[in-house]
Amino acid sequence: MANEIYSSSWWGDGPCNDVGWGIIYKQYANCGPVQPIIDAFVIRVEADGGTVESTACLETDLTYLTENP
């Protein structure tokens, strides 16, 4: 590949880390405790041929359920 120094790059975990790097962007990166559940739900729905139009309500409800067991 012409004009490339590296064939691939890894930029780390972004703001979703335990070190505190990029902490000011954490609220925009969906790093909360319910995000893995939301990701798994979207993967499952799409694997079954469905479509998830928005995860906003799902995130709100899961956040409430996890904070108020």
Protein backbone atom coordinates (compact mmCIF):
# COMPACT_ATOMS: atom_id res chain seq x y z
CA MET A 1 0.00 0.00 0.00
CA ALA A 2 1.46 3.25 -1.09
CA ASN A 3 2.10 6.15 1.27
CA GLU A 4 1.32 4.18 4.45
CA ILE A 5 3.57 3.87 7.44
CA TYR A 6 1.47 1.24 9.24
CA SER A 7 -0.83 -1.36 7.73
CA SER A 8 -3.19 -1.06 10.71
CA SER A 9 -3.57 1.03 13.85
CA TRP A 10 -5.15 0.53 17.24
CA TRP A 11 -6.26 3.63 19.11
CA GLY A 12 -7.18 1.97 22.38
CA ASP A 13 -10.55 1.72 24.04
CA GLY A 14 -11.53 5.36 23.66
CA PRO A 15 -13.24 6.96 26.65
CA CYS A 16 -14.63 3.61 27.89
CA ASN A 17 -11.64 2.74 30.05
CA ASP A 18 -10.61 2.57 33.70
CA VAL A 19 -7.63 4.88 33.29
CA GLY A 20 -9.56 8.10 32.77
CA TRP A 21 -8.28 8.96 29.30
CA GLY A 22 -10.92 10.82 27.32
CA ILE A 23 -13.15 11.10 30.38
CA ILE A 24 -14.82 14.28 29.09
CA TYR A 25 -16.22 12.28 26.15
CA LYS A 26 -17.51 9.38 28.25
CA GLN A 27 -21.08 10.71 28.37
CA TYR A 28 -21.20 10.69 24.56
CA ALA A 29 -19.64 7.24 24.13
CA ASN A 30 -22.36 5.15 25.81
CA CYS A 31 -20.03 3.57 28.34
CA GLY A 32 -22.67 2.97 31.00
CA PRO A 33 -23.41 -0.37 32.66
CA VAL A 34 -26.42 -1.04 30.43
CA GLN A 35 -24.53 -0.61 27.15
CA PRO A 36 -23.42 -4.26 26.89
CA ILE A 37 -27.06 -5.33 27.30
CA ILE A 38 -28.18 -2.89 24.61
CA ASP A 39 -25.42 -4.06 22.26
CA ALA A 40 -26.39 -7.71 22.79
CA PHE A 41 -30.07 -6.86 22.16
CA VAL A 42 -29.29 -5.06 18.89
CA ILE A 43 -27.07 -7.92 17.72
CA ARG A 44 -29.81 -10.47 18.50
CA VAL A 45 -32.58 -8.47 16.81
CA GLU A 46 -30.48 -7.92 13.68
CA ALA A 47 -29.41 -11.57 13.62
CA ASP A 48 -33.11 -12.52 13.56
CA GLY A 49 -33.70 -10.17 10.63
CA GLY A 50 -35.22 -7.34 12.67
CA THR A 51 -34.45 -3.65 12.88
CA VAL A 52 -33.84 -1.51 15.95
CA GLU A 53 -34.82 2.03 15.06
CA SER A 54 -33.65 3.58 18.33
CA THR A 55 -32.20 2.34 21.60
CA ALA A 56 -33.14 5.47 23.57
CA CYS A 57 -36.21 3.97 25.31
CA LEU A 58 -34.37 0.71 25.91
CA GLU A 59 -31.50 2.59 27.55
CA THR A 60 -33.88 4.61 29.73
CA ASP A 61 -35.80 1.53 30.87
CA LEU A 62 -32.69 -0.58 31.49
CA THR A 63 -31.07 2.24 33.44
CA TYR A 64 -34.17 2.54 35.61
CA LEU A 65 -34.34 -1.23 36.15
CA THR A 66 -30.67 -1.54 37.07
CA GLU A 67 -30.78 1.43 39.44
CA ASN A 68 -34.07 0.35 41.09
CA PRO A 69 -33.96 -3.43 41.48
